[in-house]
C-alpha atoms as a PDB file:
ATOM      1  CA  MET A   1     109.938  81.165  95.294  1.00  0.00           C
ATOM      2  CA  ASP A   2     108.493  77.847  97.046  1.00  0.00           C
ATOM      3  CA  LYS A   3     112.140  77.282  98.318  1.00  0.00           C
ATOM      4  CA  GLN A   4     112.946  81.082  99.367  1.00  0.00           C
ATOM      5  CA  LEU A   5     109.311  81.075 101.385  1.00  0.00           C
ATOM      6  CA  SER A   6     109.528  77.402 102.430  1.00  0.00           C
ATOM      7  CA  PRO A   7     111.357  78.372 105.845  1.00  0.00           C
ATOM      8  CA  LEU A   8     108.167  80.683 106.766  1.00  0.00           C
ATOM      9  CA  GLY A   9     106.152  77.698 106.185  1.00  0.00           C
ATOM     10  CA  ILE A  10     104.505  79.195 103.291  1.00  0.00           C
ATOM     11  CA  THR A  11     103.767  78.126  99.686  1.00  0.00           C
ATOM     12  CA  THR A  12     103.950  80.591  96.704  1.00  0.00           C
ATOM     13  CA  ALA A  13     100.169  79.932  96.224  1.00  0.00           C
ATOM     14  CA  GLN A  14      99.472  80.457  99.781  1.00  0.00           C
ATOM     15  CA  TYR A  15     101.336  83.974  99.290  1.00  0.00           C
ATOM     16  CA  ALA A  16      99.350  84.863  96.384  1.00  0.00           C
ATOM     17  CA  ALA A  17      95.772  84.067  98.022  1.00  0.00           C
ATOM     18  CA  LEU A  18      97.302  86.292 101.242  1.00  0.00           C
ATOM     19  CA  SER A  19      98.203  88.922  98.795  1.00  0.00           C
ATOM     20  CA  VAL A  20      94.926  89.218  97.282  1.00  0.00           C
ATOM     21  CA  LEU A  21      93.402  89.639 100.983  1.00  0.00           C
ATOM     22  CA  ILE A  22      96.196  92.255 101.524  1.00  0.00           C
ATOM     23  CA  GLU A  23      94.671  94.469  98.534  1.00  0.00           C
ATOM     24  CA  GLN A  24      90.916  93.507  99.165  1.00  0.00           C
ATOM     25  CA  PRO A  25      90.329  92.538 103.247  1.00  0.00           C
ATOM     26  CA  GLU A  26      86.987  91.165 102.901  1.00  0.00           C
ATOM     27  CA  VAL A  27      86.389  88.863  99.532  1.00  0.00           C
ATOM     28  CA  SER A  28      84.798  85.496  98.498  1.00  0.00           C
ATOM     29  CA  GLY A  29      86.725  82.540  98.062  1.00  0.00           C
ATOM     30  CA  ALA A  30      85.425  82.762  94.248  1.00  0.00           C
ATOM     31  CA  GLU A  31      87.234  85.835  93.959  1.00  0.00           C
ATOM     32  CA  ILE A  32      90.276  84.543  95.469  1.00  0.00           C
ATOM     33  CA  ALA A  33      90.032  81.710  92.948  1.00  0.00           C
ATOM     34  CA  ARG A  34      89.583  83.748  90.092  1.00  0.00           C
ATOM     35  CA  LYS A  35      92.326  86.437  91.341  1.00  0.00           C
ATOM     36  CA  CYS A  36      94.693  83.379  91.686  1.00  0.00           C
ATOM     37  CA  ARG A  37      93.768  81.751  88.408  1.00  0.00           C
ATOM     38  CA  VAL A  38      93.115  78.662  90.193  1.00  0.00           C
ATOM     39  CA  THR A  39      89.891  76.194  90.591  1.00  0.00           C
ATOM     40  CA  PRO A  40      87.190  77.130  92.892  1.00  0.00           C
ATOM     41  CA  GLN A  41      88.207  73.576  94.193  1.00  0.00           C
ATOM     42  CA  THR A  42      92.267  74.093  94.626  1.00  0.00           C
ATOM     43  CA  ALA A  43      90.955  77.691  96.116  1.00  0.00           C
ATOM     44  CA  HIS A  44      89.032  76.001  98.761  1.00  0.00           C
ATOM     45  CA  GLN A  45      91.883  73.810  99.604  1.00  0.00           C
ATOM     46  CA  LEU A  46      94.269  76.623  99.650  1.00  0.00           C
ATOM     47  CA  LEU A  47      91.755  78.636 102.360  1.00  0.00           C
ATOM     48  CA  THR A  48      91.130  75.734 104.408  1.00  0.00           C
ATOM     49  CA  ALA A  49      95.261  75.318 104.724  1.00  0.00           C
ATOM     50  CA  LEU A  50      95.686  78.963 105.614  1.00  0.00           C
ATOM     51  CA  GLU A  51      92.589  79.063 108.029  1.00  0.00           C
ATOM     52  CA  ALA A  52      93.976  75.705 109.621  1.00  0.00           C
ATOM     53  CA  ASN A  53      97.274  77.936 110.135  1.00  0.00           C
ATOM     54  CA  GLY A  54      95.124  80.550 111.742  1.00  0.00           C
ATOM     55  CA  TRP A  55      96.060  83.058 108.676  1.00  0.00           C
ATOM     56  CA  VAL A  56      92.442  83.843 107.170  1.00  0.00           C
ATOM     57  CA  LYS A  57      89.011  83.287 108.971  1.00  0.00           C
ATOM     58  CA  ARG A  58      85.483  82.623 106.641  1.00  0.00           C
ATOM     59  CA  GLU A  59      82.596  84.342 107.809  1.00  0.00           C
ATOM     60  CA  LYS A  60      79.199  84.507 106.338  1.00  0.00           C
ATOM     61  CA  HIS A  61      78.463  87.628 104.214  1.00  0.00           C
ATOM     62  CA  PRO A  62      75.979  89.951 106.017  1.00  0.00           C
ATOM     63  CA  SER A  63      73.534  90.228 103.018  1.00  0.00           C
ATOM     64  CA  ASN A  64      73.871  86.563 101.616  1.00  0.00           C
ATOM     65  CA  GLU A  65      74.614  83.565 103.744  1.00  0.00           C
ATOM     66  CA  LYS A  66      75.223  81.557 101.075  1.00  0.00           C
ATOM     67  CA  VAL A  67      78.901  83.355 100.517  1.00  0.00           C
ATOM     68  CA  LEU A  68      81.458  83.145 102.992  1.00  0.00           C
ATOM     69  CA  TRP A  69      83.883  86.003 103.519  1.00  0.00           C
ATOM     70  CA  VAL A  70      87.301  85.483 103.662  1.00  0.00           C
ATOM     71  CA  LYS A  71      89.295  87.917 105.996  1.00  0.00           C
ATOM     72  CA  LEU A  72      93.121  88.014 106.744  1.00  0.00           C
ATOM     73  CA  THR A  73      93.766  87.417 110.648  1.00  0.00           C
ATOM     74  CA  THR A  74      96.616  89.519 112.248  1.00  0.00           C
ATOM     75  CA  GLY A  75      98.720  85.939 112.176  1.00  0.00           C
ATOM     76  CA  GLY A  76      98.333  86.318 108.380  1.00  0.00           C
ATOM     77  CA  GLU A  77      99.256  90.112 108.156  1.00  0.00           C
ATOM     78  CA  THR A  78     102.751  88.867 110.000  1.00  0.00           C
ATOM     79  CA  ILE A  79     103.203  86.178 107.685  1.00  0.00           C
ATOM     80  CA  VAL A  80     103.015  88.227 104.409  1.00  0.00           C
ATOM     81  CA  LYS A  81     105.184  90.906 106.126  1.00  0.00           C
ATOM     82  CA  LYS A  82     107.878  88.053 106.513  1.00  0.00           C
ATOM     83  CA  ALA A  83     107.115  86.464 103.462  1.00  0.00           C
ATOM     84  CA  ARG A  84     107.596  90.072 101.410  1.00  0.00           C
ATOM     85  CA  PRO A  85     111.156  90.534 101.742  1.00  0.00           C
ATOM     86  CA  GLU A  86     111.867  86.838 100.518  1.00  0.00           C
ATOM     87  CA  ARG A  87     109.835  87.085  97.465  1.00  0.00           C
ATOM     88  CA  LEU A  88     111.723  90.451  96.804  1.00  0.00           C
ATOM     89  CA  LYS A  89     114.618  88.372  96.618  1.00  0.00           C
ATOM     90  CA  VAL A  90     113.353  86.202  94.042  1.00  0.00           C
ATOM     91  CA  VAL A  91     112.109  88.791  91.755  1.00  0.00           C
ATOM     92  CA  GLN A  92     115.663  90.526  92.274  1.00  0.00           C
ATOM     93  CA  THR A  93     117.641  87.363  91.338  1.00  0.00           C
ATOM     94  CA  MET A  94     115.257  87.159  88.206  1.00  0.00           C
ATOM     95  CA  LEU A  95     115.545  90.290  87.072  1.00  0.00           C
ATOM     96  CA  LYS A  96     119.416  90.506  87.820  1.00  0.00           C
ATOM     97  CA  GLY A  97     121.199  92.229  84.888  1.00  0.00           C
ATOM     98  CA  PHE A  98     118.230  94.507  83.265  1.00  0.00           C
ATOM     99  CA  SER A  99     118.617  97.544  82.759  1.00  0.00           C
ATOM    100  CA  PRO A 100     115.783 100.137  83.502  1.00  0.00           C
ATOM    101  CA  ALA A 101     115.262 100.387  79.664  1.00  0.00           C
ATOM    102  CA  ASP A 102     115.153  96.649  79.472  1.00  0.00           C
ATOM    103  CA  LEU A 103     112.888  96.535  82.383  1.00  0.00           C
ATOM    104  CA  ASN A 104     110.620  99.015  80.548  1.00  0.00           C
ATOM    105  CA  LYS A 105     110.649  97.267  77.309  1.00  0.00           C
ATOM    106  CA  PHE A 106     109.531  93.824  79.003  1.00  0.00           C
ATOM    107  CA  THR A 107     106.870  95.204  80.909  1.00  0.00           C
ATOM    108  CA  GLY A 108     105.376  96.742  77.801  1.00  0.00           C
ATOM    109  CA  PHE A 109     105.846  93.391  75.893  1.00  0.00           C
ATOM    110  CA  LEU A 110     104.051  91.380  79.061  1.00  0.00           C
ATOM    111  CA  ASP A 111     101.084  94.079  78.902  1.00  0.00           C
ATOM    112  CA  ARG A 112     101.231  93.493  75.397  1.00  0.00           C
ATOM    113  CA  CYS A 113     100.754  89.863  75.634  1.00  0.00           C
ATOM    114  CA  ARG A 114      98.180  89.924  78.542  1.00  0.00           C
ATOM    115  CA  ASN A 115      96.236  92.593  76.190  1.00  0.00           C
ATOM    116  CA  ASN A 116      96.026  89.886  73.524  1.00  0.00           C
ATOM    117  CA  LEU A 117      94.718  87.166  75.519  1.00  0.00           C
ATOM    118  CA  PRO A 118      90.739  86.942  75.696  1.00  0.00           C
ATOM    119  CA  GLY A 119      89.264  90.083  77.265  1.00  0.00           C
ATOM    120  CA  GLY A 120      92.530  91.447  77.391  1.00  0.00           C
ATOM    121  CA  MET A 121      93.070  89.921  81.040  1.00  0.00           C
ATOM    122  CA  LYS A 122      93.153  93.586  82.602  1.00  0.00           C
ATOM    123  CA  ASP A 123      93.316  92.578  85.931  1.00  0.00           C
ATOM    124  CA  ALA A 124      96.250  89.799  85.580  1.00  0.00           C
END
């Protein structure tokens, strides 16, 4: 995935964080860390790089000044739109040769694996 996204100047981890923001436009860095399954320190480094690229901005939460909201910028939306087709190419290559029935079974197996983990990882 990194190889496919590299010409756009974005990494897989950065794409994952930006994708969280597409789904949830205002979120804390801690929530991004949880959703991307990285440490808070790693999320901070990731967000610092995203902010330096102009893809996100951080602002104080309106009701809790200790919390910083992370918001997607127009530039961030643009890079996600450019990266999605590249990500899709990787997914299509990875799933090449699987029938719809195979994919349904595969998805079921992954769901069972996820549900076997502590807490069921429902938002995984």
